[in-house]
């Protein structure tokens, strides 16, 4: 015979076990959703100099690969803007005998906090928030620049803005590859035509029509779906394209 007290204890632990496991399940589902919602990126060795790429640096750390030798004075040079084209500043790395980094409006050049890893091939991860800029090199933290600790009064107003665009400056000869958002290369309707060639970089717009002579057109933007994969989006409706089918030619009966 099980007493009422024992039954109550059993029910308590049963409910506790159920709720605990349910909570863990919810946490796992949320973690999966968050990880799948991050933008899809790929390693690009064709990153153009002097053009802006849409990149939410305050959300997604930027990864770079370099193989510059120290003392050659090669530089990584990245200019940042907000999504609304407000200038934030420039971040640089120089591969001098004593390598250092530079954050515009934040005190100029600064030595790295520790000695850089000795490998010539280096993987850099640049993480920015509204509070600081963190740099790792081959999994070693080499800089953690807190904006409010900087003596330059322009540092916080400039770098507390969220970055939405990045540009590799023309003087950047050190960046070999960068992990950037994947461009769009599949139109929403295969019958549509574009005046320029695909792919279209993330954030870029292009006008589409059914043919080069068509007056009915729409503007589509390279964005991403709920999983972060590249996808063209648009407002309103797309031109309704119809495929022209040429009827078969019927040969007449040969006269005798």
C-alpha atoms as a PDB file:
ATOM      1  CA  UNK A   1       0.000   0.000   0.000  1.00  0.00           C
ATOM      2  CA  UNK A   2       1.408   3.384  -1.022  1.00  0.00           C
ATOM      3  CA  UNK A   3       0.718   6.203   1.366  1.00  0.00           C
ATOM      4  CA  UNK A   4      -0.742   9.535   0.291  1.00  0.00           C
ATOM      5  CA  UNK A   5       2.519  11.239   1.234  1.00  0.00           C
ATOM      6  CA  UNK A   6       4.550   8.827  -0.931  1.00  0.00           C
ATOM      7  CA  UNK A   7       2.172   9.394  -3.850  1.00  0.00           C
ATOM      8  CA  UNK A   8       2.583  13.144  -3.482  1.00  0.00           C
ATOM      9  CA  UNK A   9       6.366  12.861  -3.507  1.00  0.00           C
ATOM     10  CA  UNK A  10       6.216  10.603  -6.568  1.00  0.00           C
ATOM     11  CA  UNK A  11       3.974  13.074  -8.406  1.00  0.00           C
ATOM     12  CA  UNK A  12       6.269  15.951  -7.491  1.00  0.00           C
ATOM     13  CA  UNK A  13       9.350  14.290  -8.929  1.00  0.00           C
ATOM     14  CA  UNK A  14       7.441  13.092 -11.998  1.00  0.00           C
ATOM     15  CA  UNK A  15       6.267  16.631 -12.741  1.00  0.00           C
ATOM     16  CA  UNK A  16       9.714  18.031 -12.034  1.00  0.00           C
ATOM     17  CA  UNK A  17      11.347  15.509 -14.400  1.00  0.00           C
ATOM     18  CA  UNK A  18       8.774  16.271 -17.110  1.00  0.00           C
ATOM     19  CA  UNK A  19       9.140  20.039 -16.785  1.00  0.00           C
ATOM     20  CA  UNK A  20      12.943  19.850 -16.702  1.00  0.00           C
ATOM     21  CA  UNK A  21      13.095  17.756 -19.843  1.00  0.00           C
ATOM     22  CA  UNK A  22      10.516  19.963 -21.537  1.00  0.00           C
ATOM     23  CA  UNK A  23      12.627  23.002 -20.698  1.00  0.00           C
ATOM     24  CA  UNK A  24      15.714  21.319 -22.104  1.00  0.00           C
ATOM     25  CA  UNK A  25      13.793  20.455 -25.276  1.00  0.00           C
ATOM     26  CA  UNK A  26      12.673  24.074 -25.682  1.00  0.00           C
ATOM     27  CA  UNK A  27      16.258  25.292 -25.161  1.00  0.00           C
ATOM     28  CA  UNK A  28      17.530  22.856 -27.800  1.00  0.00           C
ATOM     29  CA  UNK A  29      14.867  23.932 -30.306  1.00  0.00           C
ATOM     30  CA  UNK A  30      15.649  27.621 -29.721  1.00  0.00           C
ATOM     31  CA  UNK A  31      19.373  26.989 -30.143  1.00  0.00           C
ATOM     32  CA  UNK A  32      18.696  25.169 -33.405  1.00  0.00           C
ATOM     33  CA  UNK A  33      16.520  28.002 -34.678  1.00  0.00           C
ATOM     34  CA  UNK A  34      19.085  30.641 -33.742  1.00  0.00           C
ATOM     35  CA  UNK A  35      21.951  28.772 -35.383  1.00  0.00           C
ATOM     36  CA  UNK A  36      19.974  28.152 -38.570  1.00  0.00           C
ATOM     37  CA  UNK A  37      18.937  31.815 -38.757  1.00  0.00           C
ATOM     38  CA  UNK A  38      22.506  33.041 -39.138  1.00  0.00           C
ATOM     39  CA  UNK A  39      23.462  34.263 -42.567  1.00  0.00           C
ATOM     40  CA  UNK A  40      25.010  31.865 -45.046  1.00  0.00           C
ATOM     41  CA  UNK A  41      28.570  32.832 -45.956  1.00  0.00           C
ATOM     42  CA  UNK A  42      31.277  31.369 -48.161  1.00  0.00           C
ATOM     43  CA  UNK A  43      35.000  31.882 -48.620  1.00  0.00           C
ATOM     44  CA  UNK A  44      35.612  34.349 -51.443  1.00  0.00           C
ATOM     45  CA  UNK A  45      38.971  35.051 -53.056  1.00  0.00           C
ATOM     46  CA  UNK A  46      37.349  37.414 -55.555  1.00  0.00           C
ATOM     47  CA  UNK A  47      36.353  40.156 -53.102  1.00  0.00           C
ATOM     48  CA  UNK A  48      36.627  43.355 -55.111  1.00  0.00           C
ATOM     49  CA  UNK A  49      38.596  46.275 -53.760  1.00  0.00           C
ATOM     50  CA  UNK A  50      36.857  49.623 -53.563  1.00  0.00           C
ATOM     51  CA  UNK A  51      33.259  48.357 -53.458  1.00  0.00           C
ATOM     52  CA  UNK A  52      30.917  47.938 -50.514  1.00  0.00           C
ATOM     53  CA  UNK A  53      29.476  44.586 -49.497  1.00  0.00           C
ATOM     54  CA  UNK A  54      26.422  44.340 -47.289  1.00  0.00           C
ATOM     55  CA  UNK A  55      27.658  42.656 -44.116  1.00  0.00           C
ATOM     56  CA  UNK A  56      26.133  42.912 -40.593  1.00  0.00           C
ATOM     57  CA  UNK A  57      29.431  42.951 -38.737  1.00  0.00           C
ATOM     58  CA  UNK A  58      27.750  43.580 -35.359  1.00  0.00           C
ATOM     59  CA  UNK A  59      25.838  40.321 -35.850  1.00  0.00           C
ATOM     60  CA  UNK A  60      28.230  38.117 -37.819  1.00  0.00           C
ATOM     61  CA  UNK A  61      32.011  38.222 -37.155  1.00  0.00           C
ATOM     62  CA  UNK A  62      34.125  38.717 -40.282  1.00  0.00           C
ATOM     63  CA  UNK A  63      36.695  36.040 -41.129  1.00  0.00           C
ATOM     64  CA  UNK A  64      39.791  36.753 -43.241  1.00  0.00           C
ATOM     65  CA  UNK A  65      42.768  34.732 -44.449  1.00  0.00           C
ATOM     66  CA  UNK A  66      46.223  36.222 -44.989  1.00  0.00           C
ATOM     67  CA  UNK A  67      49.687  34.831 -45.763  1.00  0.00           C
ATOM     68  CA  UNK A  68      51.761  38.031 -45.667  1.00  0.00           C
ATOM     69  CA  UNK A  69      55.229  37.887 -44.211  1.00  0.00           C
ATOM     70  CA  UNK A  70      56.069  40.207 -41.367  1.00  0.00           C
ATOM     71  CA  UNK A  71      58.295  43.128 -42.374  1.00  0.00           C
ATOM     72  CA  UNK A  72      56.663  43.412 -45.827  1.00  0.00           C
ATOM     73  CA  UNK A  73      54.286  46.085 -44.496  1.00  0.00           C
ATOM     74  CA  UNK A  74      51.282  44.584 -46.322  1.00  0.00           C
ATOM     75  CA  UNK A  75      48.002  45.863 -44.947  1.00  0.00           C
ATOM     76  CA  UNK A  76      44.458  44.693 -44.310  1.00  0.00           C
ATOM     77  CA  UNK A  77      42.247  47.766 -44.779  1.00  0.00           C
ATOM     78  CA  UNK A  78      38.505  47.575 -44.171  1.00  0.00           C
ATOM     79  CA  UNK A  79      36.160  50.549 -44.268  1.00  0.00           C
ATOM     80  CA  UNK A  80      32.827  50.341 -42.430  1.00  0.00           C
ATOM     81  CA  UNK A  81      29.474  52.033 -42.924  1.00  0.00           C
ATOM     82  CA  UNK A  82      26.038  51.622 -41.433  1.00  0.00           C
ATOM     83  CA  UNK A  83      23.283  50.090 -43.548  1.00  0.00           C
ATOM     84  CA  UNK A  84      22.152  53.690 -44.208  1.00  0.00           C
ATOM     85  CA  UNK A  85      25.568  54.690 -45.589  1.00  0.00           C
ATOM     86  CA  UNK A  86      26.760  56.619 -42.532  1.00  0.00           C
ATOM     87  CA  UNK A  87      30.541  56.341 -42.242  1.00  0.00           C
ATOM     88  CA  UNK A  88      31.832  54.501 -39.156  1.00  0.00           C
ATOM     89  CA  UNK A  89      35.559  54.340 -39.820  1.00  0.00           C
ATOM     90  CA  UNK A  90      38.484  52.232 -41.034  1.00  0.00           C
ATOM     91  CA  UNK A  91      40.150  49.196 -39.469  1.00  0.00           C
ATOM     92  CA  UNK A  92      43.688  48.242 -40.532  1.00  0.00           C
ATOM     93  CA  UNK A  93      46.336  45.643 -39.804  1.00  0.00           C
ATOM     94  CA  UNK A  94      49.932  46.211 -40.920  1.00  0.00           C
ATOM     95  CA  UNK A  95      52.384  43.303 -41.240  1.00  0.00           C
ATOM     96  CA  UNK A  96      55.470  45.225 -40.166  1.00  0.00           C
ATOM     97  CA  UNK A  97      58.374  43.946 -38.077  1.00  0.00           C
ATOM     98  CA  UNK A  98      56.236  44.896 -35.102  1.00  0.00           C
ATOM     99  CA  UNK A  99      52.695  44.276 -36.422  1.00  0.00           C
ATOM    100  CA  UNK A 100      49.946  46.547 -35.159  1.00  0.00           C
ATOM    101  CA  UNK A 101      46.336  47.499 -35.784  1.00  0.00           C
ATOM    102  CA  UNK A 102      44.549  50.771 -36.421  1.00  0.00           C
ATOM    103  CA  UNK A 103      41.033  51.961 -35.612  1.00  0.00           C
ATOM    104  CA  UNK A 104      40.238  55.394 -37.009  1.00  0.00           C
ATOM    105  CA  UNK A 105      39.073  57.982 -34.458  1.00  0.00           C
ATOM    106  CA  UNK A 106      40.321  55.687 -31.695  1.00  0.00           C
ATOM    107  CA  UNK A 107      43.866  56.740 -30.948  1.00  0.00           C
ATOM    108  CA  UNK A 108      45.578  55.684 -34.164  1.00  0.00           C
ATOM    109  CA  UNK A 109      47.948  52.702 -34.367  1.00  0.00           C
ATOM    110  CA  UNK A 110      48.134  50.287 -31.433  1.00  0.00           C
ATOM    111  CA  UNK A 111      50.384  47.266 -30.791  1.00  0.00           C
ATOM    112  CA  UNK A 112      48.696  43.894 -30.478  1.00  0.00           C
ATOM    113  CA  UNK A 113      48.148  42.743 -26.907  1.00  0.00           C
ATOM    114  CA  UNK A 114      50.185  39.564 -27.472  1.00  0.00           C
ATOM    115  CA  UNK A 115      52.677  38.278 -30.009  1.00  0.00           C
ATOM    116  CA  UNK A 116      50.989  37.065 -33.171  1.00  0.00           C
ATOM    117  CA  UNK A 117      51.044  33.314 -33.891  1.00  0.00           C
ATOM    118  CA  UNK A 118      54.165  32.360 -35.857  1.00  0.00           C
ATOM    119  CA  UNK A 119      52.352  30.594 -38.720  1.00  0.00           C
ATOM    120  CA  UNK A 120      52.509  32.546 -41.969  1.00  0.00           C
ATOM    121  CA  UNK A 121      48.989  31.455 -42.924  1.00  0.00           C
ATOM    122  CA  UNK A 122      46.698  33.298 -40.564  1.00  0.00           C
ATOM    123  CA  UNK A 123      42.948  33.140 -39.975  1.00  0.00           C
ATOM    124  CA  UNK A 124      41.607  36.388 -38.572  1.00  0.00           C
ATOM    125  CA  UNK A 125      38.206  36.786 -36.912  1.00  0.00           C
ATOM    126  CA  UNK A 126      37.046  40.366 -36.416  1.00  0.00           C
ATOM    127  CA  UNK A 127      34.135  40.751 -34.014  1.00  0.00           C
ATOM    128  CA  UNK A 128      32.482  44.132 -33.548  1.00  0.00           C
ATOM    129  CA  UNK A 129      29.804  45.256 -31.114  1.00  0.00           C
ATOM    130  CA  UNK A 130      28.622  48.727 -30.187  1.00  0.00           C
ATOM    131  CA  UNK A 131      31.029  48.527 -27.227  1.00  0.00           C
ATOM    132  CA  UNK A 132      34.269  47.029 -28.544  1.00  0.00           C
ATOM    133  CA  UNK A 133      36.205  45.481 -31.400  1.00  0.00           C
ATOM    134  CA  UNK A 134      37.740  42.056 -30.764  1.00  0.00           C
ATOM    135  CA  UNK A 135      40.389  40.475 -32.999  1.00  0.00           C
ATOM    136  CA  UNK A 136      41.592  36.869 -32.920  1.00  0.00           C
ATOM    137  CA  UNK A 137      44.365  35.355 -35.013  1.00  0.00           C
ATOM    138  CA  UNK A 138      44.572  31.569 -35.360  1.00  0.00           C
ATOM    139  CA  UNK A 139      42.325  31.225 -32.286  1.00  0.00           C
ATOM    140  CA  UNK A 140      44.472  33.580 -30.180  1.00  0.00           C
ATOM    141  CA  UNK A 141      42.899  36.806 -28.925  1.00  0.00           C
ATOM    142  CA  UNK A 142      45.300  39.546 -30.005  1.00  0.00           C
ATOM    143  CA  UNK A 143      43.210  42.697 -29.473  1.00  0.00           C
ATOM    144  CA  UNK A 144      40.160  43.735 -27.491  1.00  0.00           C
ATOM    145  CA  UNK A 145      39.639  47.459 -28.018  1.00  0.00           C
ATOM    146  CA  UNK A 146      36.916  48.871 -25.742  1.00  0.00           C
ATOM    147  CA  UNK A 147      35.651  52.104 -27.279  1.00  0.00           C
ATOM    148  CA  UNK A 148      34.730  53.922 -24.061  1.00  0.00           C
ATOM    149  CA  UNK A 149      38.240  53.298 -22.691  1.00  0.00           C
ATOM    150  CA  UNK A 150      39.803  55.134 -25.612  1.00  0.00           C
ATOM    151  CA  UNK A 151      41.070  58.656 -24.999  1.00  0.00           C
ATOM    152  CA  UNK A 152      39.844  59.935 -28.372  1.00  0.00           C
ATOM    153  CA  UNK A 153      36.438  61.557 -27.849  1.00  0.00           C
ATOM    154  CA  UNK A 154      35.369  60.604 -31.385  1.00  0.00           C
ATOM    155  CA  UNK A 155      35.824  56.891 -30.793  1.00  0.00           C
ATOM    156  CA  UNK A 156      32.501  56.083 -29.107  1.00  0.00           C
ATOM    157  CA  UNK A 157      30.258  58.199 -31.391  1.00  0.00           C
ATOM    158  CA  UNK A 158      31.817  56.645 -34.489  1.00  0.00           C
ATOM    159  CA  UNK A 159      32.204  52.995 -33.525  1.00  0.00           C
ATOM    160  CA  UNK A 160      29.069  52.564 -31.392  1.00  0.00           C
ATOM    161  CA  UNK A 161      27.118  52.584 -34.661  1.00  0.00           C
ATOM    162  CA  UNK A 162      26.110  49.199 -36.044  1.00  0.00           C
ATOM    163  CA  UNK A 163      27.962  48.227 -39.207  1.00  0.00           C
ATOM    164  CA  UNK A 164      25.908  47.134 -42.196  1.00  0.00           C
ATOM    165  CA  UNK A 165      28.465  47.450 -45.008  1.00  0.00           C
ATOM    166  CA  UNK A 166      32.171  46.764 -45.404  1.00  0.00           C
ATOM    167  CA  UNK A 167      34.666  47.676 -48.120  1.00  0.00           C
ATOM    168  CA  UNK A 168      38.157  46.362 -48.748  1.00  0.00           C
ATOM    169  CA  UNK A 169      40.114  49.459 -49.680  1.00  0.00           C
ATOM    170  CA  UNK A 170      42.295  49.498 -52.788  1.00  0.00           C
ATOM    171  CA  UNK A 171      45.442  49.545 -50.632  1.00  0.00           C
ATOM    172  CA  UNK A 172      44.466  46.206 -49.047  1.00  0.00           C
ATOM    173  CA  UNK A 173      46.935  43.719 -50.519  1.00  0.00           C
ATOM    174  CA  UNK A 174      47.053  41.391 -47.511  1.00  0.00           C
ATOM    175  CA  UNK A 175      43.525  39.931 -47.551  1.00  0.00           C
ATOM    176  CA  UNK A 176      43.639  36.756 -49.640  1.00  0.00           C
ATOM    177  CA  UNK A 177      40.160  35.448 -48.822  1.00  0.00           C
ATOM    178  CA  UNK A 178      37.154  36.733 -46.921  1.00  0.00           C
ATOM    179  CA  UNK A 179      34.048  34.905 -45.769  1.00  0.00           C
ATOM    180  CA  UNK A 180      31.193  36.954 -47.240  1.00  0.00           C
ATOM    181  CA  UNK A 181      27.482  36.504 -47.705  1.00  0.00           C
ATOM    182  CA  UNK A 182      26.530  34.315 -50.658  1.00  0.00           C
ATOM    183  CA  UNK A 183      25.249  36.231 -53.719  1.00  0.00           C
ATOM    184  CA  UNK A 184      21.967  35.434 -55.493  1.00  0.00           C
ATOM    185  CA  UNK A 185      22.142  33.600 -58.807  1.00  0.00           C
ATOM    186  CA  UNK A 186      18.654  32.095 -59.256  1.00  0.00           C
ATOM    187  CA  UNK A 187      15.859  34.351 -60.518  1.00  0.00           C
ATOM    188  CA  UNK A 188      12.337  33.867 -59.079  1.00  0.00           C
ATOM    189  CA  UNK A 189      11.111  33.087 -62.613  1.00  0.00           C
ATOM    190  CA  UNK A 190      13.484  31.502 -65.159  1.00  0.00           C
ATOM    191  CA  UNK A 191      11.714  33.402 -67.959  1.00  0.00           C
ATOM    192  CA  UNK A 192      12.775  36.768 -66.522  1.00  0.00           C
ATOM    193  CA  UNK A 193      15.768  38.595 -67.957  1.00  0.00           C
ATOM    194  CA  UNK A 194      18.193  41.008 -66.287  1.00  0.00           C
ATOM    195  CA  UNK A 195      20.257  43.771 -67.928  1.00  0.00           C
ATOM    196  CA  UNK A 196      23.393  42.677 -66.061  1.00  0.00           C
ATOM    197  CA  UNK A 197      24.906  39.270 -65.502  1.00  0.00           C
ATOM    198  CA  UNK A 198      24.262  37.102 -62.466  1.00  0.00           C
ATOM    199  CA  UNK A 199      25.094  36.659 -59.632  1.00  0.00           C
ATOM    200  CA  UNK A 200      23.954  39.771 -57.745  1.00  0.00           C
ATOM    201  CA  UNK A 201      25.715  40.501 -54.468  1.00  0.00           C
ATOM    202  CA  UNK A 202      23.730  40.471 -51.229  1.00  0.00           C
ATOM    203  CA  UNK A 203      21.793  43.736 -50.860  1.00  0.00           C
ATOM    204  CA  UNK A 204      22.109  44.542 -54.541  1.00  0.00           C
ATOM    205  CA  UNK A 205      19.095  45.455 -56.678  1.00  0.00           C
ATOM    206  CA  UNK A 206      18.384  44.621 -60.301  1.00  0.00           C
ATOM    207  CA  UNK A 207      15.497  45.329 -62.657  1.00  0.00           C
ATOM    208  CA  UNK A 208      13.878  42.293 -64.260  1.00  0.00           C
ATOM    209  CA  UNK A 209      11.508  41.998 -67.207  1.00  0.00           C
ATOM    210  CA  UNK A 210      10.184  39.325 -69.534  1.00  0.00           C
ATOM    211  CA  UNK A 211      12.364  40.569 -72.377  1.00  0.00           C
ATOM    212  CA  UNK A 212      14.603  43.489 -73.202  1.00  0.00           C
ATOM    213  CA  UNK A 213      11.692  45.137 -75.086  1.00  0.00           C
ATOM    214  CA  UNK A 214       9.129  44.607 -72.317  1.00  0.00           C
ATOM    215  CA  UNK A 215       7.658  47.674 -70.597  1.00  0.00           C
ATOM    216  CA  UNK A 216       6.432  45.591 -67.642  1.00  0.00           C
ATOM    217  CA  UNK A 217       9.290  45.284 -65.138  1.00  0.00           C
ATOM    218  CA  UNK A 218      10.034  44.998 -61.431  1.00  0.00           C
ATOM    219  CA  UNK A 219      12.980  45.574 -59.105  1.00  0.00           C
ATOM    220  CA  UNK A 220      14.205  42.607 -57.064  1.00  0.00           C
ATOM    221  CA  UNK A 221      16.733  42.632 -54.226  1.00  0.00           C
ATOM    222  CA  UNK A 222      19.221  39.938 -53.244  1.00  0.00           C
ATOM    223  CA  UNK A 223      18.346  38.996 -49.666  1.00  0.00           C
ATOM    224  CA  UNK A 224      18.049  35.711 -47.763  1.00  0.00           C
ATOM    225  CA  UNK A 225      15.357  33.254 -46.736  1.00  0.00           C
ATOM    226  CA  UNK A 226      14.516  32.161 -43.182  1.00  0.00           C
ATOM    227  CA  UNK A 227      17.515  29.800 -43.209  1.00  0.00           C
ATOM    228  CA  UNK A 228      19.923  32.517 -44.318  1.00  0.00           C
ATOM    229  CA  UNK A 229      20.274  31.154 -47.859  1.00  0.00           C
ATOM    230  CA  UNK A 230      20.435  33.686 -50.743  1.00  0.00           C
ATOM    231  CA  UNK A 231      17.063  34.581 -52.245  1.00  0.00           C
ATOM    232  CA  UNK A 232      15.682  37.402 -54.390  1.00  0.00           C
ATOM    233  CA  UNK A 233      12.836  39.340 -52.743  1.00  0.00           C
ATOM    234  CA  UNK A 234      10.474  41.936 -54.157  1.00  0.00           C
ATOM    235  CA  UNK A 235       7.404  43.986 -53.327  1.00  0.00           C
ATOM    236  CA  UNK A 236       4.273  43.943 -55.424  1.00  0.00           C
ATOM    237  CA  UNK A 237       4.212  41.465 -58.282  1.00  0.00           C
ATOM    238  CA  UNK A 238       6.607  40.244 -60.915  1.00  0.00           C
ATOM    239  CA  UNK A 239       6.001  40.553 -64.658  1.00  0.00           C
ATOM    240  CA  UNK A 240       3.920  37.639 -65.892  1.00  0.00           C
ATOM    241  CA  UNK A 241       6.063  35.956 -68.494  1.00  0.00           C
ATOM    242  CA  UNK A 242       4.665  33.425 -70.931  1.00  0.00           C
ATOM    243  CA  UNK A 243       6.726  31.081 -72.967  1.00  0.00           C
ATOM    244  CA  UNK A 244       6.176  31.479 -76.699  1.00  0.00           C
ATOM    245  CA  UNK A 245       5.473  28.148 -78.350  1.00  0.00           C
ATOM    246  CA  UNK A 246       6.091  27.963 -82.057  1.00  0.00           C
ATOM    247  CA  UNK A 247       3.479  25.730 -83.703  1.00  0.00           C
ATOM    248  CA  UNK A 248       4.849  22.873 -85.764  1.00  0.00           C
ATOM    249  CA  UNK A 249       5.074  23.458 -89.486  1.00  0.00           C
ATOM    250  CA  UNK A 250       2.656  21.287 -91.473  1.00  0.00           C
ATOM    251  CA  UNK A 251       3.998  20.401 -94.878  1.00  0.00           C
ATOM    252  CA  UNK A 252       1.533  20.364 -97.717  1.00  0.00           C
ATOM    253  CA  UNK A 253       0.940  17.300 -99.777  1.00  0.00           C
ATOM    254  CA  UNK A 254       3.324  17.100-102.657  1.00  0.00           C
ATOM    255  CA  UNK A 255       1.615  17.404-105.981  1.00  0.00           C
ATOM    256  CA  UNK A 256       2.130  14.649-108.412  1.00  0.00           C
END
